[in-house]
N, C-alpha and C. Protein backbone atom coordinates (compact mmCIF):
# COMPACT_ATOMS: atom_id res chain seq x y z
N MET A 1 151.71 179.23 46.86
CA MET A 1 151.54 178.39 45.83
C MET A 1 151.91 179.64 44.34
N LYS A 2 152.51 179.01 43.25
CA LYS A 2 152.79 179.84 42.11
C LYS A 2 151.89 179.37 41.14
N PHE A 3 151.31 180.24 40.66
CA PHE A 3 150.29 179.69 39.42
C PHE A 3 150.80 180.27 38.25
N GLU A 4 150.73 179.61 37.35
CA GLU A 4 150.91 180.20 35.70
C GLU A 4 149.59 180.70 34.99
N GLY A 5 148.81 180.30 35.43
CA GLY A 5 147.25 180.50 34.79
C GLY A 5 145.99 180.62 35.83
N ILE A 6 144.93 181.62 35.56
CA ILE A 6 144.10 181.60 36.59
C ILE A 6 142.65 181.29 35.71
N ILE A 7 141.69 180.57 36.09
CA ILE A 7 140.66 180.65 35.35
C ILE A 7 139.29 181.17 36.42
N PHE A 8 138.60 182.10 36.33
CA PHE A 8 137.57 182.60 36.59
C PHE A 8 136.11 181.78 36.34
N ASP A 9 135.36 181.95 37.34
CA ASP A 9 133.95 181.74 37.26
C ASP A 9 133.46 183.08 36.79
N LEU A 10 131.78 183.35 36.29
CA LEU A 10 131.73 184.50 35.70
C LEU A 10 130.83 185.23 37.01
N ASP A 11 129.72 184.61 37.07
CA ASP A 11 128.53 184.94 37.74
C ASP A 11 128.84 184.75 39.50
N GLY A 12 128.84 185.81 40.33
CA GLY A 12 129.20 185.47 41.60
C GLY A 12 130.81 185.76 41.90
N THR A 13 131.39 185.83 40.81
CA THR A 13 133.06 185.80 41.03
C THR A 13 133.50 187.16 40.40
N LEU A 14 133.25 187.32 39.44
CA LEU A 14 133.80 188.52 38.51
C LEU A 14 132.63 189.42 38.50
N VAL A 15 131.45 189.07 38.28
CA VAL A 15 130.29 189.82 38.13
C VAL A 15 129.39 189.45 38.93
N ASN A 16 128.67 190.52 39.55
CA ASN A 16 127.32 190.48 40.16
C ASN A 16 126.22 190.85 39.16
N SER A 17 125.52 189.50 39.19
CA SER A 17 124.38 189.36 37.76
C SER A 17 123.25 189.32 38.60
N LEU A 18 123.35 188.92 39.80
CA LEU A 18 122.24 188.47 40.55
C LEU A 18 120.68 189.49 40.11
N ASP A 19 120.65 190.67 40.17
CA ASP A 19 119.71 191.57 40.04
C ASP A 19 119.16 191.31 38.79
N ASP A 20 119.86 191.17 37.78
CA ASP A 20 119.50 191.02 36.03
C ASP A 20 118.99 189.50 35.83
N LEU A 21 119.45 188.68 36.43
CA LEU A 21 118.73 187.51 36.36
C LEU A 21 117.58 187.31 37.17
N ALA A 22 117.58 187.84 38.59
CA ALA A 22 116.31 187.76 38.88
C ALA A 22 115.04 188.78 38.49
N ASP A 23 115.44 189.80 38.32
CA ASP A 23 114.45 190.61 37.43
C ASP A 23 114.18 189.95 35.98
N SER A 24 114.76 189.21 35.39
CA SER A 24 114.51 189.03 34.22
C SER A 24 113.45 187.52 34.45
N MET A 25 113.68 186.93 35.44
CA MET A 25 112.90 185.37 35.55
C MET A 25 111.71 185.77 36.54
N ASN A 26 111.93 186.93 37.14
CA ASN A 26 110.56 187.11 38.04
C ASN A 26 109.55 187.74 37.01
N GLU A 27 110.21 188.69 35.93
CA GLU A 27 109.08 189.19 34.79
C GLU A 27 108.62 188.15 34.17
N ILE A 28 109.11 187.06 33.70
CA ILE A 28 108.73 185.70 33.04
C ILE A 28 107.44 185.56 34.02
N LEU A 29 107.83 185.10 35.42
CA LEU A 29 106.93 184.26 36.07
C LEU A 29 105.76 185.05 36.32
N ARG A 30 105.95 186.45 36.67
CA ARG A 30 104.83 187.52 36.71
C ARG A 30 103.76 187.47 35.75
N ASN A 31 104.44 187.53 34.53
CA ASN A 31 103.74 187.77 33.22
C ASN A 31 102.83 186.21 33.08
N ALA A 32 103.41 185.49 33.61
CA ALA A 32 102.78 183.93 33.63
C ALA A 32 101.76 183.62 34.60
N GLY A 33 101.89 184.41 35.63
CA GLY A 33 100.68 184.34 36.63
C GLY A 33 101.29 183.31 37.76
N TYR A 34 102.82 183.03 37.62
CA TYR A 34 103.51 182.31 38.77
C TYR A 34 103.89 182.89 39.98
N PRO A 35 104.10 182.46 41.05
CA PRO A 35 104.68 183.14 41.92
C PRO A 35 105.87 183.48 41.95
N VAL A 36 106.64 184.89 42.32
CA VAL A 36 107.86 185.17 42.05
C VAL A 36 108.72 184.97 43.27
N HIS A 37 110.22 185.20 43.13
CA HIS A 37 111.12 184.94 44.15
C HIS A 37 111.67 186.06 44.69
N ASP A 38 112.11 186.32 46.01
CA ASP A 38 113.25 187.18 46.42
C ASP A 38 114.38 187.27 45.70
N VAL A 39 115.15 188.63 45.68
CA VAL A 39 116.30 188.30 44.97
C VAL A 39 117.67 187.27 45.85
N GLU A 40 117.27 187.26 46.98
CA GLU A 40 118.14 186.33 47.78
C GLU A 40 118.05 184.82 47.38
N THR A 41 116.77 184.42 47.16
CA THR A 41 116.32 183.28 46.89
C THR A 41 117.28 183.16 45.82
N TYR A 42 117.42 183.79 44.51
CA TYR A 42 118.03 183.39 43.45
C TYR A 42 119.50 183.17 43.45
N LYS A 43 120.16 183.57 44.71
CA LYS A 43 121.49 182.83 44.73
C LYS A 43 121.58 181.63 44.65
N TYR A 44 120.73 180.69 44.85
CA TYR A 44 120.73 179.09 45.07
C TYR A 44 119.98 178.85 43.67
N PHE A 45 119.73 179.42 42.83
CA PHE A 45 119.30 179.22 41.48
C PHE A 45 120.39 179.20 40.77
N ILE A 46 121.42 179.86 40.73
CA ILE A 46 122.39 180.21 39.98
C ILE A 46 123.50 179.30 40.12
N GLY A 47 124.19 178.94 39.03
CA GLY A 47 125.66 178.39 38.85
C GLY A 47 125.53 176.93 38.13
N ASN A 48 124.30 176.62 37.76
CA ASN A 48 124.55 175.56 37.13
C ASN A 48 123.67 175.66 35.80
N GLY A 49 123.64 177.05 35.19
CA GLY A 49 123.34 177.43 33.68
C GLY A 49 121.57 177.89 33.97
N ILE A 50 121.49 178.65 33.01
CA ILE A 50 119.92 179.19 32.93
C ILE A 50 118.77 178.16 32.97
N ARG A 51 119.07 177.32 32.17
CA ARG A 51 118.09 176.11 32.25
C ARG A 51 117.70 175.47 33.53
N ASN A 52 118.92 175.43 34.80
CA ASN A 52 118.71 174.82 35.61
C ASN A 52 117.90 175.85 36.71
N LEU A 53 118.19 177.14 36.43
CA LEU A 53 118.00 178.32 37.04
C LEU A 53 116.10 178.44 36.53
N VAL A 54 115.75 178.43 35.64
CA VAL A 54 114.27 178.29 34.89
C VAL A 54 113.75 176.97 35.87
N LYS A 55 114.39 176.02 35.60
CA LYS A 55 113.62 174.79 36.27
C LYS A 55 113.14 175.01 37.95
N LYS A 56 114.32 175.31 38.63
CA LYS A 56 114.11 176.04 39.93
C LYS A 56 113.25 176.89 40.38
N ALA A 57 112.94 177.85 39.29
CA ALA A 57 112.12 179.23 39.50
C ALA A 57 110.66 178.92 39.23
N LEU A 58 110.45 177.72 38.59
CA LEU A 58 109.08 177.62 38.11
C LEU A 58 108.31 176.49 38.99
N PRO A 59 107.10 176.58 39.21
CA PRO A 59 106.17 176.10 40.32
C PRO A 59 106.63 174.53 40.04
N GLU A 60 106.35 173.63 41.02
CA GLU A 60 107.22 172.28 41.17
C GLU A 60 106.26 171.55 39.84
N GLU A 61 104.93 171.86 39.73
CA GLU A 61 104.00 171.21 38.83
C GLU A 61 104.31 171.50 37.43
N CYS A 62 105.26 172.72 37.17
CA CYS A 62 105.36 172.99 36.03
C CYS A 62 106.69 172.81 35.51
N ARG A 63 107.33 171.83 36.14
CA ARG A 63 108.74 171.39 35.77
C ARG A 63 109.23 170.19 34.85
N ASP A 64 107.98 169.70 34.14
CA ASP A 64 108.40 168.94 32.91
C ASP A 64 109.10 169.40 31.89
N GLU A 65 109.53 168.36 31.20
CA GLU A 65 110.75 169.06 30.09
C GLU A 65 110.13 169.96 29.15
N GLU A 66 109.09 169.77 28.48
CA GLU A 66 108.64 170.59 27.67
C GLU A 66 108.27 171.74 27.90
N THR A 67 107.64 172.26 29.28
CA THR A 67 107.52 173.41 30.07
C THR A 67 108.83 174.11 30.36
N VAL A 68 109.82 173.49 30.78
CA VAL A 68 111.12 173.95 31.10
C VAL A 68 111.53 174.49 29.95
N SER A 69 111.69 173.78 28.85
CA SER A 69 112.35 174.15 27.57
C SER A 69 111.70 175.50 26.82
N SER A 70 110.42 175.45 27.21
CA SER A 70 109.91 176.59 26.58
C SER A 70 110.11 177.94 27.34
N TYR A 71 110.11 177.86 28.52
CA TYR A 71 110.73 179.22 29.76
C TYR A 71 112.10 179.27 29.33
N HIS A 72 112.89 178.20 29.00
CA HIS A 72 114.17 178.27 28.99
C HIS A 72 114.41 179.24 28.17
N LYS A 73 113.95 179.11 26.83
CA LYS A 73 113.80 180.02 25.46
C LYS A 73 113.28 181.48 25.82
N LEU A 74 112.32 181.54 26.55
CA LEU A 74 112.05 182.87 26.91
C LEU A 74 112.80 183.67 27.91
N MET A 75 113.52 182.92 28.69
CA MET A 75 114.36 183.51 29.82
C MET A 75 115.72 183.84 29.11
N THR A 76 116.01 182.93 28.33
CA THR A 76 117.35 183.60 27.72
C THR A 76 117.09 184.75 26.51
N ALA A 77 116.22 184.77 26.10
CA ALA A 77 115.68 186.08 25.08
C ALA A 77 115.37 187.41 26.21
N THR A 78 114.75 186.77 27.39
CA THR A 78 114.68 188.09 27.98
C THR A 78 115.80 188.58 29.12
N TYR A 79 116.55 187.49 29.43
CA TYR A 79 117.96 187.90 29.74
C TYR A 79 118.87 188.39 28.95
N ARG A 80 118.91 188.12 27.80
CA ARG A 80 119.60 188.91 26.82
C ARG A 80 119.45 190.77 26.60
N LYS A 81 118.21 190.92 26.85
CA LYS A 81 118.08 192.27 26.88
C LYS A 81 118.43 193.00 28.56
N ASN A 82 118.41 192.23 29.06
CA ASN A 82 118.75 192.75 30.59
C ASN A 82 119.94 192.59 31.20
N CYS A 83 120.73 191.70 30.65
CA CYS A 83 121.95 191.20 31.30
C CYS A 83 122.83 192.28 31.78
N LEU A 84 122.76 193.55 31.16
CA LEU A 84 123.78 194.41 31.53
C LEU A 84 122.97 195.69 31.98
N VAL A 85 121.91 195.69 32.44
CA VAL A 85 121.19 196.80 33.16
C VAL A 85 121.72 196.91 34.47
N LYS A 86 121.96 196.15 35.51
CA LYS A 86 122.19 196.46 36.63
C LYS A 86 123.72 195.46 37.22
N SER A 87 124.01 194.42 36.11
CA SER A 87 125.09 193.89 36.59
C SER A 87 126.50 194.76 36.33
N GLN A 88 127.27 194.54 37.24
CA GLN A 88 128.67 195.26 37.37
C GLN A 88 129.75 194.28 38.06
N PRO A 89 130.98 194.52 37.81
CA PRO A 89 132.32 193.76 38.44
C PRO A 89 131.95 194.07 39.83
N TYR A 90 132.49 193.02 40.56
CA TYR A 90 132.36 193.29 41.92
C TYR A 90 133.46 194.02 42.46
N PRO A 91 133.29 195.08 43.47
CA PRO A 91 134.38 195.97 43.87
C PRO A 91 135.71 195.44 44.13
N GLY A 92 136.81 195.70 43.68
CA GLY A 92 138.39 195.46 43.72
C GLY A 92 138.66 194.31 42.38
N ILE A 93 137.66 193.99 41.63
CA ILE A 93 137.80 193.11 40.75
C ILE A 93 138.71 193.53 39.59
N ILE A 94 138.47 194.94 39.16
CA ILE A 94 139.40 195.52 38.09
C ILE A 94 141.00 195.68 38.50
N GLY A 95 140.75 196.21 39.99
CA GLY A 95 142.17 196.44 40.31
C GLY A 95 143.02 195.08 40.47
N LEU A 96 142.29 193.75 40.85
CA LEU A 96 142.74 192.60 40.72
C LEU A 96 143.23 192.18 39.61
N LEU A 97 142.61 192.82 38.62
CA LEU A 97 143.07 191.69 37.06
C LEU A 97 143.75 192.70 36.56
N ASP A 98 143.85 194.11 36.96
CA ASP A 98 145.16 194.93 36.55
C ASP A 98 146.32 194.29 37.08
N GLU A 99 146.35 193.75 38.48
CA GLU A 99 147.58 193.40 38.89
C GLU A 99 147.92 192.07 38.44
N LEU A 100 147.00 191.18 38.09
CA LEU A 100 147.60 189.78 37.64
C LEU A 100 147.98 189.91 36.11
N LYS A 101 147.46 190.87 35.14
CA LYS A 101 147.92 191.18 34.05
C LYS A 101 149.22 191.95 33.82
N MET A 102 149.55 192.59 34.93
CA MET A 102 150.90 193.22 34.96
C MET A 102 151.64 191.90 35.51
N ARG A 103 151.30 191.02 35.88
CA ARG A 103 152.40 189.89 36.30
C ARG A 103 152.48 189.08 35.23
N LYS A 104 151.73 189.10 34.09
CA LYS A 104 151.92 188.27 33.09
C LYS A 104 151.19 187.07 33.24
N LEU A 105 150.25 186.72 34.07
CA LEU A 105 149.41 185.66 34.22
C LEU A 105 148.70 185.64 33.18
N LYS A 106 148.07 184.25 32.74
CA LYS A 106 147.22 184.07 31.79
C LYS A 106 145.89 183.77 32.58
N LEU A 107 144.81 184.64 31.95
CA LEU A 107 143.74 184.62 32.70
C LEU A 107 142.37 184.06 31.83
N ALA A 108 141.48 183.52 32.07
CA ALA A 108 140.27 182.96 31.65
C ALA A 108 139.16 183.02 32.01
N VAL A 109 137.89 182.94 31.66
CA VAL A 109 136.65 182.77 32.03
C VAL A 109 136.15 181.44 31.51
N LEU A 110 135.68 180.73 32.72
CA LEU A 110 134.87 179.65 32.25
C LEU A 110 133.45 179.60 33.04
N SER A 111 132.25 179.53 32.34
CA SER A 111 131.16 180.13 32.94
C SER A 111 130.02 178.94 32.57
N ASN A 112 128.90 178.53 33.20
CA ASN A 112 127.80 177.76 33.03
C ASN A 112 126.56 178.76 32.21
N LYS A 113 127.02 179.90 32.29
CA LYS A 113 126.10 180.65 31.41
C LYS A 113 126.29 180.24 29.90
N ALA A 114 125.29 180.47 29.16
CA ALA A 114 125.44 180.70 27.51
C ALA A 114 126.78 181.15 26.89
N ASP A 115 127.13 180.71 26.10
CA ASP A 115 128.66 181.28 25.53
C ASP A 115 128.22 182.60 25.14
N GLU A 116 127.13 182.96 24.19
CA GLU A 116 127.15 184.07 23.64
C GLU A 116 127.18 185.18 24.91
N LEU A 117 126.22 184.99 26.04
CA LEU A 117 125.88 185.90 26.92
C LEU A 117 127.33 186.00 27.85
N THR A 118 127.62 184.93 28.14
CA THR A 118 129.09 185.00 28.53
C THR A 118 130.16 186.00 28.00
N LYS A 119 130.37 185.77 26.83
CA LYS A 119 131.09 186.62 26.00
C LYS A 119 130.51 188.49 26.00
N LYS A 120 129.29 188.36 25.76
CA LYS A 120 128.67 189.66 25.82
C LYS A 120 128.88 190.45 26.90
N ILE A 121 128.74 189.85 28.13
CA ILE A 121 129.15 190.39 29.32
C ILE A 121 130.51 190.91 29.62
N ILE A 122 131.25 189.93 29.40
CA ILE A 122 132.83 190.12 29.85
C ILE A 122 133.42 191.35 28.69
N GLU A 123 132.58 191.36 27.43
CA GLU A 123 133.09 192.31 26.42
C GLU A 123 132.72 193.74 26.88
N ALA A 124 131.67 193.78 27.70
CA ALA A 124 131.05 195.03 28.19
C ALA A 124 131.46 195.31 29.39
N LEU A 125 131.69 194.80 30.23
CA LEU A 125 132.36 194.94 31.34
C LEU A 125 133.39 194.72 32.15
N LEU A 126 134.32 193.77 31.52
CA LEU A 126 135.58 193.82 31.60
C LEU A 126 136.45 193.33 30.27
N PRO A 127 136.46 194.33 29.52
CA PRO A 127 137.32 193.91 28.08
C PRO A 127 138.64 193.69 28.20
N GLY A 128 139.22 192.88 27.47
CA GLY A 128 140.88 192.98 27.45
C GLY A 128 141.85 192.43 28.34
N TYR A 129 141.10 191.78 29.17
CA TYR A 129 141.85 191.24 30.26
C TYR A 129 141.73 189.56 30.43
N PHE A 130 141.02 188.95 29.67
CA PHE A 130 141.24 187.47 29.20
C PHE A 130 141.46 186.82 27.96
N ASP A 131 142.45 185.87 27.84
CA ASP A 131 143.03 185.17 26.95
C ASP A 131 141.91 184.43 26.39
N ILE A 132 141.06 183.88 27.11
CA ILE A 132 140.03 182.66 26.60
C ILE A 132 138.92 183.05 27.66
N VAL A 133 137.39 183.24 26.55
CA VAL A 133 136.30 183.36 27.36
C VAL A 133 135.32 182.28 26.85
N ILE A 134 134.83 181.22 27.88
CA ILE A 134 133.92 180.16 27.38
C ILE A 134 132.89 180.19 28.31
N GLY A 135 131.73 179.90 27.40
CA GLY A 135 130.61 179.78 28.17
C GLY A 135 129.91 178.39 27.88
N MET A 136 128.96 178.17 28.19
CA MET A 136 128.26 176.82 27.82
C MET A 136 127.69 176.87 26.26
N THR A 137 128.13 175.97 25.78
CA THR A 137 127.27 175.52 24.35
C THR A 137 126.76 174.45 24.44
N SER A 138 126.54 173.62 25.46
CA SER A 138 125.87 172.37 25.28
C SER A 138 125.91 171.60 26.86
N GLU A 139 124.38 171.33 27.37
CA GLU A 139 124.29 170.73 28.71
C GLU A 139 125.47 169.60 28.92
N GLU A 140 125.59 169.24 27.88
CA GLU A 140 126.73 168.00 27.90
C GLU A 140 128.23 168.41 28.51
N TYR A 141 128.56 169.73 28.63
CA TYR A 141 130.03 170.42 28.71
C TYR A 141 129.53 171.04 30.30
N ARG A 142 128.36 171.29 30.72
CA ARG A 142 127.90 171.95 32.00
C ARG A 142 129.05 171.71 32.99
N LYS A 143 129.75 172.66 33.84
CA LYS A 143 130.25 172.13 34.98
C LYS A 143 129.67 171.69 36.17
N PRO A 144 130.18 170.53 36.65
CA PRO A 144 131.46 170.57 37.09
C PRO A 144 131.99 169.52 35.92
N ASN A 145 131.63 169.06 34.99
CA ASN A 145 132.26 168.62 33.85
C ASN A 145 133.69 169.36 33.68
N PRO A 146 134.83 168.67 33.68
CA PRO A 146 136.09 169.49 33.66
C PRO A 146 136.37 169.79 32.24
N ALA A 147 135.56 169.25 31.25
CA ALA A 147 135.89 169.65 29.63
C ALA A 147 136.81 170.93 29.48
N GLY A 148 135.69 171.97 29.96
CA GLY A 148 136.31 173.31 29.60
C GLY A 148 137.49 173.79 30.28
N ALA A 149 137.64 173.40 31.57
CA ALA A 149 138.84 174.01 32.15
C ALA A 149 139.91 173.27 31.30
N LEU A 150 139.90 172.23 31.19
CA LEU A 150 141.02 171.38 30.47
C LEU A 150 141.45 171.80 29.16
N GLU A 151 140.27 172.26 28.50
CA GLU A 151 140.64 172.67 27.06
C GLU A 151 141.25 174.03 27.46
N ILE A 152 141.25 174.90 28.04
CA ILE A 152 141.74 176.01 28.64
C ILE A 152 143.48 175.67 28.79
N SER A 153 143.47 174.88 29.80
CA SER A 153 144.73 174.07 30.06
C SER A 153 145.86 173.72 28.96
N LYS A 154 145.06 173.25 27.97
CA LYS A 154 145.72 172.49 26.82
C LYS A 154 145.98 173.90 25.67
N ARG A 155 145.21 174.63 25.80
CA ARG A 155 145.36 175.92 24.90
C ARG A 155 146.47 176.83 25.51
N TRP A 156 146.74 177.01 26.73
CA TRP A 156 147.68 177.41 27.40
C TRP A 156 149.01 176.62 27.60
N SER A 157 148.99 175.52 27.09
CA SER A 157 150.39 174.47 27.43
C SER A 157 150.42 174.56 28.64
N ILE A 158 149.82 174.69 29.64
CA ILE A 158 149.97 174.71 31.36
C ILE A 158 149.26 173.64 31.92
N ARG A 159 150.19 172.86 32.30
CA ARG A 159 149.57 171.73 33.30
C ARG A 159 148.56 172.25 34.36
N PRO A 160 147.37 171.49 34.66
CA PRO A 160 146.40 171.60 35.45
C PRO A 160 146.73 172.13 36.67
N LYS A 161 147.84 171.19 37.32
CA LYS A 161 148.21 171.81 38.75
C LYS A 161 148.93 173.11 38.89
N HIS A 162 149.14 173.66 37.77
CA HIS A 162 149.55 174.90 37.73
C HIS A 162 148.55 176.07 37.26
N ILE A 163 147.42 175.51 37.82
CA ILE A 163 146.36 176.33 37.31
C ILE A 163 145.37 176.66 38.14
N ALA A 164 145.11 178.02 38.79
CA ALA A 164 143.87 178.14 39.82
C ALA A 164 142.31 178.03 39.19
N TYR A 165 141.47 177.66 39.67
CA TYR A 165 140.29 177.89 39.31
C TYR A 165 139.28 178.57 40.39
N ILE A 166 138.60 179.46 40.11
CA ILE A 166 138.22 180.55 41.13
C ILE A 166 136.69 180.56 40.99
N GLY A 167 135.98 180.60 42.20
CA GLY A 167 134.58 180.50 41.81
C GLY A 167 134.02 180.75 43.10
N ASP A 168 132.36 180.81 43.09
CA ASP A 168 132.10 181.21 44.27
C ASP A 168 130.90 180.12 44.80
N THR A 169 130.59 178.68 44.24
CA THR A 169 129.92 177.76 44.09
C THR A 169 130.59 176.33 44.25
N SER A 170 129.63 175.61 44.84
CA SER A 170 130.18 174.13 44.93
C SER A 170 130.55 173.57 43.61
N THR A 171 129.93 173.72 42.63
CA THR A 171 129.99 173.52 41.26
C THR A 171 131.63 173.79 40.87
N ASP A 172 132.17 175.17 41.20
CA ASP A 172 133.25 175.71 40.85
C ASP A 172 134.25 174.62 41.54
N MET A 173 133.91 174.37 42.96
CA MET A 173 134.97 173.94 43.25
C MET A 173 135.35 172.40 43.08
N GLN A 174 134.09 171.67 42.54
CA GLN A 174 133.94 170.49 41.90
C GLN A 174 134.67 170.28 40.56
N THR A 175 134.61 171.24 39.82
CA THR A 175 135.11 171.48 38.53
C THR A 175 136.61 171.55 38.57
N ALA A 176 137.23 172.34 39.75
CA ALA A 176 138.54 172.44 39.94
C ALA A 176 139.09 171.27 40.54
N LYS A 177 138.48 170.57 40.96
CA LYS A 177 139.00 168.99 41.57
C LYS A 177 139.05 167.98 40.30
N ASN A 178 137.65 168.15 39.76
CA ASN A 178 137.75 167.42 38.41
C ASN A 178 138.66 167.52 37.60
N ALA A 179 139.02 168.74 37.33
CA ALA A 179 140.27 169.00 36.23
C ALA A 179 141.61 168.84 36.86
N GLY A 180 141.78 168.98 38.01
CA GLY A 180 142.95 168.62 38.70
C GLY A 180 144.07 170.18 39.09
N MET A 181 142.82 170.96 38.99
CA MET A 181 143.61 172.23 39.41
C MET A 181 143.22 172.54 40.84
N PHE A 182 143.81 173.70 41.43
CA PHE A 182 143.89 174.41 42.65
C PHE A 182 142.49 175.31 42.93
N ALA A 183 141.72 174.77 43.82
CA ALA A 183 140.22 175.19 43.91
C ALA A 183 140.11 176.19 44.83
N VAL A 184 139.90 177.71 44.45
CA VAL A 184 139.82 178.86 45.16
C VAL A 184 138.41 179.22 45.25
N GLY A 185 137.82 179.43 46.36
CA GLY A 185 136.45 179.77 46.63
C GLY A 185 136.25 181.04 47.36
N VAL A 186 135.45 181.87 46.84
CA VAL A 186 135.32 183.45 47.11
C VAL A 186 133.91 183.48 47.77
N THR A 187 133.78 184.48 48.60
CA THR A 187 132.93 184.42 49.78
C THR A 187 132.10 185.85 49.31
N TRP A 188 132.63 186.66 48.49
CA TRP A 188 131.47 187.79 48.08
C TRP A 188 130.28 187.23 46.89
N GLY A 189 130.44 186.10 46.66
CA GLY A 189 129.19 185.49 45.62
C GLY A 189 128.04 185.27 45.97
N PHE A 190 127.55 183.91 45.88
CA PHE A 190 126.16 183.73 45.90
C PHE A 190 126.23 182.40 47.18
N ARG A 191 127.28 181.86 47.72
CA ARG A 191 127.17 180.88 48.39
C ARG A 191 128.33 181.10 49.59
N THR A 192 127.97 179.96 50.46
CA THR A 192 128.83 180.41 51.90
C THR A 192 129.94 179.86 51.73
N LYS A 193 130.93 180.01 52.70
CA LYS A 193 132.32 179.74 53.03
C LYS A 193 132.36 178.07 53.29
N GLU A 194 131.10 177.93 54.01
CA GLU A 194 131.15 176.33 54.53
C GLU A 194 130.79 175.46 53.51
N GLU A 195 129.72 175.83 52.40
CA GLU A 195 129.65 174.93 51.05
C GLU A 195 130.91 174.80 50.33
N LEU A 196 131.63 176.26 50.49
CA LEU A 196 132.73 176.04 49.63
C LEU A 196 134.14 175.00 49.90
N LEU A 197 133.95 175.09 51.27
CA LEU A 197 135.17 174.23 51.99
C LEU A 197 134.64 172.74 51.93
N GLU A 198 133.32 172.49 51.98
CA GLU A 198 132.74 171.15 52.15
C GLU A 198 132.96 170.52 50.56
N SER A 199 133.27 171.81 49.67
CA SER A 199 133.29 170.82 48.24
C SER A 199 134.53 171.04 47.66
N GLY A 200 135.59 171.25 48.60
CA GLY A 200 137.06 170.99 48.21
C GLY A 200 137.74 172.36 48.04
N ALA A 201 137.35 173.49 48.12
CA ALA A 201 138.04 174.58 48.36
C ALA A 201 139.45 174.39 48.79
N LYS A 202 140.40 174.68 48.33
CA LYS A 202 141.68 174.67 49.02
C LYS A 202 142.32 176.07 49.69
N MET A 203 141.53 176.99 49.18
CA MET A 203 141.94 178.60 49.81
C MET A 203 140.39 179.35 49.64
N ILE A 204 140.19 179.99 50.47
CA ILE A 204 138.93 181.05 50.54
C ILE A 204 139.40 182.59 50.59
N LEU A 205 139.01 183.20 49.45
CA LEU A 205 139.08 184.75 49.66
C LEU A 205 138.01 185.40 49.95
N ASP A 206 138.21 186.35 51.04
CA ASP A 206 136.89 187.35 51.38
C ASP A 206 136.95 188.59 50.67
N LYS A 207 138.11 189.14 49.95
CA LYS A 207 138.34 190.05 48.95
C LYS A 207 139.01 189.74 47.85
N PRO A 208 138.77 190.37 46.76
CA PRO A 208 139.70 190.21 45.55
C PRO A 208 141.16 190.37 45.58
N ALA A 209 141.25 191.62 46.63
CA ALA A 209 142.70 191.95 46.85
C ALA A 209 143.74 190.17 47.41
N GLU A 210 143.15 189.69 48.11
CA GLU A 210 143.76 188.52 48.64
C GLU A 210 144.13 187.48 47.73
N LEU A 211 143.74 187.61 46.27
CA LEU A 211 144.48 186.74 45.48
C LEU A 211 145.85 187.27 45.31
N SER A 212 145.67 188.60 44.72
CA SER A 212 147.07 189.09 44.51
C SER A 212 148.02 188.61 45.09
N ILE A 213 147.94 188.62 46.58
CA ILE A 213 149.15 188.33 47.53
C ILE A 213 149.25 186.71 47.41
N ALA A 214 148.17 185.96 47.33
CA ALA A 214 148.11 184.38 47.19
C ALA A 214 149.16 184.15 46.15
N VAL A 215 148.93 184.73 44.99
CA VAL A 215 149.63 184.02 43.55
C VAL A 215 151.14 184.05 43.97
N ASN A 216 151.64 184.80 44.91
CA ASN A 216 153.04 184.95 45.15
C ASN A 216 153.65 183.54 46.32
N LEU A 217 152.83 183.26 46.84
CA LEU A 217 153.13 182.05 47.99
C LEU A 217 154.04 180.87 47.28
């Protein structure tokens, strides 16, 4: 498959942000006297935006809209301070991006993380690689809504079928499918190979370097 552009998810795909997200939410839960969660559990809270993470992390009896909204604001503020404490690109990601840039491919990031935080993390950890970086500005556009992916396609003037969308969750695979893009799942992130395949992944990568080979097919 010959691609002209590649869109990456952020959390679990480019950057391992699990510890910073878990630490931030657990700090809030602990201060409120609520039970905390182990880091592995947070793998299943991540992928649909911070508001959704907050809702899943709170006790079931505390998931009314008013409470979720209040803790969402608190989590956003807490995570803003903590988002670069432990987060790092996954091994092999910088080498992959160097290779893709050398091949003159268009590169973008599309995340369900808040736009401000998405841009902050990319600027700090992976500056200079991406033509477009888009985070979530409204729940209305939360993936798997393909609007963000299609906006990138339009700005690049590249047809969706010539773009690969790469992510680590079912949400990412559904986004690719909804946008008419080639869905690539990665196994180094937060979900399983089985989930990715069931959600429509057309290719599975176990290591970042495998994409460098795949774009020449």
